[in-house]
Amino acid sequence: MTKFDWPIRVYYEDTDSGGVVYHANYLRFMERARTEWLRQLGFEQDVLRRDAGILFAVHSMQLNFRQPARFNDQLFVRSALHKMSGASMQFVQQVFKDETQLCEAMVKVACLNAETFRACPIPDFILTEMQCEC
C-alpha cells in the first residue's frame, strides 16, 4: 500500500483566536495519519521499539499552506510514500476538506536505533508492507 487516507475532525482546541486551525496542528494531523497507516499495516510503534529496537523520527519537513481549515471541519490526510532509501522514507502528505487541498508537506522520516538514536536500516518486514512503487 503506497497511499493512505485518514479522517480528521477539527476540534475547538485545534484552532487559534481567529477560528482557524493553528499552523502547528497540521503537523499533528500528519503525524497521526502516518501512525495510523503503520497501525493498519500491523505495526505498533511501541512494539517496534520494544521488539525490533527501532523508532521513526521526522528528519525534515517542507510545508505549503493553501487554505485554512476551521472549527468542526471534517478533513482527511492523504499520505503517499514518495521514495525510500535504506534508513529513511519520504512521504507526501496532503490535508483536504472534501476535494480542496488545504496543506501539503514533504516529510522525511528516519529509522533510528531506539538505544543510540542513530540511523539504521528500515527492517525488511516493514519495507515489504510499505510496497514503495516510487
C-alpha atoms as a PDB file:
ATOM      1  CA  MET A   1       0.000   0.000   0.000  1.00  0.00           C
ATOM      2  CA  THR A   2       1.656   3.251  -1.106  1.00  0.00           C
ATOM      3  CA  LYS A   3      -1.196   5.621  -0.205  1.00  0.00           C
ATOM      4  CA  PHE A   4      -3.336   6.002   2.906  1.00  0.00           C
ATOM      5  CA  ASP A   5      -6.224   8.350   3.819  1.00  0.00           C
ATOM      6  CA  TRP A   6      -7.086   9.163   7.445  1.00  0.00           C
ATOM      7  CA  PRO A   7     -10.098  11.262   8.568  1.00  0.00           C
ATOM      8  CA  ILE A   8      -9.601  14.163  10.977  1.00  0.00           C
ATOM      9  CA  ARG A   9     -12.226  16.316  12.667  1.00  0.00           C
ATOM     10  CA  VAL A  10     -11.166  19.846  13.657  1.00  0.00           C
ATOM     11  CA  TYR A  11     -11.828  20.437  17.344  1.00  0.00           C
ATOM     12  CA  TYR A  12     -12.015  23.799  19.066  1.00  0.00           C
ATOM     13  CA  GLU A  13      -8.631  23.086  20.687  1.00  0.00           C
ATOM     14  CA  ASP A  14      -7.087  22.854  17.183  1.00  0.00           C
ATOM     15  CA  THR A  15      -7.969  26.443  16.315  1.00  0.00           C
ATOM     16  CA  ASP A  16      -6.395  29.798  17.042  1.00  0.00           C
ATOM     17  CA  SER A  17      -8.087  33.025  18.124  1.00  0.00           C
ATOM     18  CA  GLY A  18      -9.197  33.611  14.531  1.00  0.00           C
ATOM     19  CA  GLY A  19     -11.144  30.344  14.485  1.00  0.00           C
ATOM     20  CA  VAL A  20      -8.850  28.598  12.011  1.00  0.00           C
ATOM     21  CA  VAL A  21      -6.569  25.610  12.528  1.00  0.00           C
ATOM     22  CA  TYR A  22      -3.322  26.746  14.129  1.00  0.00           C
ATOM     23  CA  HIS A  23      -0.495  26.021  11.685  1.00  0.00           C
ATOM     24  CA  ALA A  24       1.409  23.633  14.009  1.00  0.00           C
ATOM     25  CA  ASN A  25      -1.654  21.399  14.335  1.00  0.00           C
ATOM     26  CA  TYR A  26      -1.344  20.321  10.715  1.00  0.00           C
ATOM     27  CA  LEU A  27       1.863  18.586  11.825  1.00  0.00           C
ATOM     28  CA  ARG A  28      -0.101  16.717  14.498  1.00  0.00           C
ATOM     29  CA  PHE A  29      -2.700  15.658  11.928  1.00  0.00           C
ATOM     30  CA  MET A  30       0.031  14.341   9.634  1.00  0.00           C
ATOM     31  CA  GLU A  31       1.779  12.502  12.470  1.00  0.00           C
ATOM     32  CA  ARG A  32      -1.487  10.787  13.384  1.00  0.00           C
ATOM     33  CA  ALA A  33      -2.036   9.747   9.776  1.00  0.00           C
ATOM     34  CA  ARG A  34       1.434   8.191   9.492  1.00  0.00           C
ATOM     35  CA  THR A  35       0.930   6.397  12.823  1.00  0.00           C
ATOM     36  CA  GLU A  36      -2.460   5.044  11.749  1.00  0.00           C
ATOM     37  CA  TRP A  37      -1.002   3.894   8.440  1.00  0.00           C
ATOM     38  CA  LEU A  38       1.624   1.863  10.281  1.00  0.00           C
ATOM     39  CA  ARG A  39      -1.069   0.544  12.613  1.00  0.00           C
ATOM     40  CA  GLN A  40      -3.235  -0.562   9.669  1.00  0.00           C
ATOM     41  CA  LEU A  41      -0.209  -2.415   8.284  1.00  0.00           C
ATOM     42  CA  GLY A  42       0.101  -4.212  11.625  1.00  0.00           C
ATOM     43  CA  PHE A  43       2.911  -2.182  13.195  1.00  0.00           C
ATOM     44  CA  GLU A  44       2.501  -0.537  16.582  1.00  0.00           C
ATOM     45  CA  GLN A  45       5.278   1.928  17.278  1.00  0.00           C
ATOM     46  CA  ASP A  46       5.748   0.866  20.907  1.00  0.00           C
ATOM     47  CA  VAL A  47       6.071  -2.752  19.775  1.00  0.00           C
ATOM     48  CA  LEU A  48       8.586  -1.789  17.071  1.00  0.00           C
ATOM     49  CA  ARG A  49      10.661  -0.059  19.721  1.00  0.00           C
ATOM     50  CA  ARG A  50      10.451  -2.955  22.159  1.00  0.00           C
ATOM     51  CA  ASP A  51      10.773  -5.923  19.791  1.00  0.00           C
ATOM     52  CA  ALA A  52      12.712  -4.579  16.796  1.00  0.00           C
ATOM     53  CA  GLY A  53      14.699  -1.901  18.618  1.00  0.00           C
ATOM     54  CA  ILE A  54      13.726   0.856  16.181  1.00  0.00           C
ATOM     55  CA  LEU A  55      11.752   4.041  16.129  1.00  0.00           C
ATOM     56  CA  PHE A  56      10.825   6.551  13.475  1.00  0.00           C
ATOM     57  CA  ALA A  57      11.543  10.270  13.762  1.00  0.00           C
ATOM     58  CA  VAL A  58      10.873  13.175  11.461  1.00  0.00           C
ATOM     59  CA  HIS A  59      14.149  14.262   9.907  1.00  0.00           C
ATOM     60  CA  SER A  60      12.885  17.178   7.828  1.00  0.00           C
ATOM     61  CA  MET A  61       9.705  18.695   6.504  1.00  0.00           C
ATOM     62  CA  GLN A  62       8.644  21.269   3.949  1.00  0.00           C
ATOM     63  CA  LEU A  63       5.122  22.689   4.208  1.00  0.00           C
ATOM     64  CA  ASN A  64       2.880  24.723   1.943  1.00  0.00           C
ATOM     65  CA  PHE A  65      -0.343  26.166   3.329  1.00  0.00           C
ATOM     66  CA  ARG A  66      -3.026  26.854   0.743  1.00  0.00           C
ATOM     67  CA  GLN A  67      -6.332  27.441   2.547  1.00  0.00           C
ATOM     68  CA  PRO A  68      -7.422  27.443   6.183  1.00  0.00           C
ATOM     69  CA  ALA A  69      -9.395  24.735   7.940  1.00  0.00           C
ATOM     70  CA  ARG A  70     -11.919  25.817  10.554  1.00  0.00           C
ATOM     71  CA  PHE A  71     -13.567  24.507  13.686  1.00  0.00           C
ATOM     72  CA  ASN A  72     -15.682  21.391  13.106  1.00  0.00           C
ATOM     73  CA  ASP A  73     -14.452  20.838   9.540  1.00  0.00           C
ATOM     74  CA  GLN A  74     -14.222  17.209   8.517  1.00  0.00           C
ATOM     75  CA  LEU A  75     -10.833  16.741   6.859  1.00  0.00           C
ATOM     76  CA  PHE A  76      -8.709  13.881   5.687  1.00  0.00           C
ATOM     77  CA  VAL A  77      -4.972  13.483   5.478  1.00  0.00           C
ATOM     78  CA  ARG A  78      -3.664  11.679   2.424  1.00  0.00           C
ATOM     79  CA  SER A  79      -0.252  10.139   2.917  1.00  0.00           C
ATOM     80  CA  ALA A  80       1.679   8.758  -0.021  1.00  0.00           C
ATOM     81  CA  LEU A  81       5.071   7.122   0.039  1.00  0.00           C
ATOM     82  CA  HIS A  82       7.255   9.154  -2.311  1.00  0.00           C
ATOM     83  CA  LYS A  83      10.589   7.359  -2.002  1.00  0.00           C
ATOM     84  CA  MET A  84      12.557   5.054   0.252  1.00  0.00           C
ATOM     85  CA  SER A  85      16.205   4.592   0.995  1.00  0.00           C
ATOM     86  CA  GLY A  86      17.991   2.248   3.365  1.00  0.00           C
ATOM     87  CA  ALA A  87      17.221   4.228   6.518  1.00  0.00           C
ATOM     88  CA  SER A  88      14.515   6.699   5.534  1.00  0.00           C
ATOM     89  CA  MET A  89      11.162   7.157   3.874  1.00  0.00           C
ATOM     90  CA  GLN A  90       9.864  10.301   2.249  1.00  0.00           C
ATOM     91  CA  PHE A  91       6.138  10.992   2.290  1.00  0.00           C
ATOM     92  CA  VAL A  92       3.938  13.474   0.522  1.00  0.00           C
ATOM     93  CA  GLN A  93       1.142  14.355   2.920  1.00  0.00           C
ATOM     94  CA  GLN A  94      -1.841  16.481   1.988  1.00  0.00           C
ATOM     95  CA  VAL A  95      -4.710  17.746   4.106  1.00  0.00           C
ATOM     96  CA  PHE A  96      -8.034  18.024   2.297  1.00  0.00           C
ATOM     97  CA  LYS A  97     -11.512  19.309   3.028  1.00  0.00           C
ATOM     98  CA  ASP A  98     -13.658  17.446   0.550  1.00  0.00           C
ATOM     99  CA  GLU A  99     -11.596  17.732  -2.650  1.00  0.00           C
ATOM    100  CA  THR A 100      -9.936  21.035  -1.734  1.00  0.00           C
ATOM    101  CA  GLN A 101      -6.298  20.770  -0.721  1.00  0.00           C
ATOM    102  CA  LEU A 102      -5.576  22.888   2.355  1.00  0.00           C
ATOM    103  CA  CYS A 103      -1.973  21.972   3.113  1.00  0.00           C
ATOM    104  CA  GLU A 104       0.797  19.875   1.602  1.00  0.00           C
ATOM    105  CA  ALA A 105       4.042  18.634   3.123  1.00  0.00           C
ATOM    106  CA  MET A 106       7.070  16.663   2.061  1.00  0.00           C
ATOM    107  CA  VAL A 107       8.127  14.700   5.138  1.00  0.00           C
ATOM    108  CA  LYS A 108      11.348  12.731   5.506  1.00  0.00           C
ATOM    109  CA  VAL A 109      11.198  10.134   8.285  1.00  0.00           C
ATOM    110  CA  ALA A 110      14.338   8.396   9.522  1.00  0.00           C
ATOM    111  CA  CYS A 111      14.531   4.942  11.042  1.00  0.00           C
ATOM    112  CA  LEU A 112      16.592   5.105  14.240  1.00  0.00           C
ATOM    113  CA  ASN A 113      18.129   2.613  16.605  1.00  0.00           C
ATOM    114  CA  ALA A 114      15.994   3.016  19.742  1.00  0.00           C
ATOM    115  CA  GLU A 115      19.029   2.890  22.050  1.00  0.00           C
ATOM    116  CA  THR A 116      21.541   5.080  20.214  1.00  0.00           C
ATOM    117  CA  PHE A 117      19.184   7.308  18.176  1.00  0.00           C
ATOM    118  CA  ARG A 118      21.453   6.757  15.170  1.00  0.00           C
ATOM    119  CA  ALA A 119      20.125   5.981  11.722  1.00  0.00           C
ATOM    120  CA  CYS A 120      19.691   2.306  10.948  1.00  0.00           C
ATOM    121  CA  PRO A 121      18.205   0.314   8.064  1.00  0.00           C
ATOM    122  CA  ILE A 122      14.437   0.011   7.854  1.00  0.00           C
ATOM    123  CA  PRO A 123      13.646  -3.654   8.588  1.00  0.00           C
ATOM    124  CA  ASP A 124      12.681  -5.768   5.569  1.00  0.00           C
ATOM    125  CA  PHE A 125       9.347  -6.744   7.132  1.00  0.00           C
ATOM    126  CA  ILE A 126       8.330  -3.052   7.100  1.00  0.00           C
ATOM    127  CA  LEU A 127       9.703  -2.399   3.613  1.00  0.00           C
ATOM    128  CA  THR A 128       7.677  -5.310   2.272  1.00  0.00           C
ATOM    129  CA  GLU A 129       4.438  -3.928   3.713  1.00  0.00           C
ATOM    130  CA  MET A 130       5.041  -0.348   2.601  1.00  0.00           C
ATOM    131  CA  GLN A 131       5.493  -1.551  -1.009  1.00  0.00           C
ATOM    132  CA  CYS A 132       7.068   1.527  -2.490  1.00  0.00           C
ATOM    133  CA  GLU A 133       6.169   1.872  -6.172  1.00  0.00           C
ATOM    134  CA  CYS A 134       8.316   5.001  -6.446  1.00  0.00           C
END
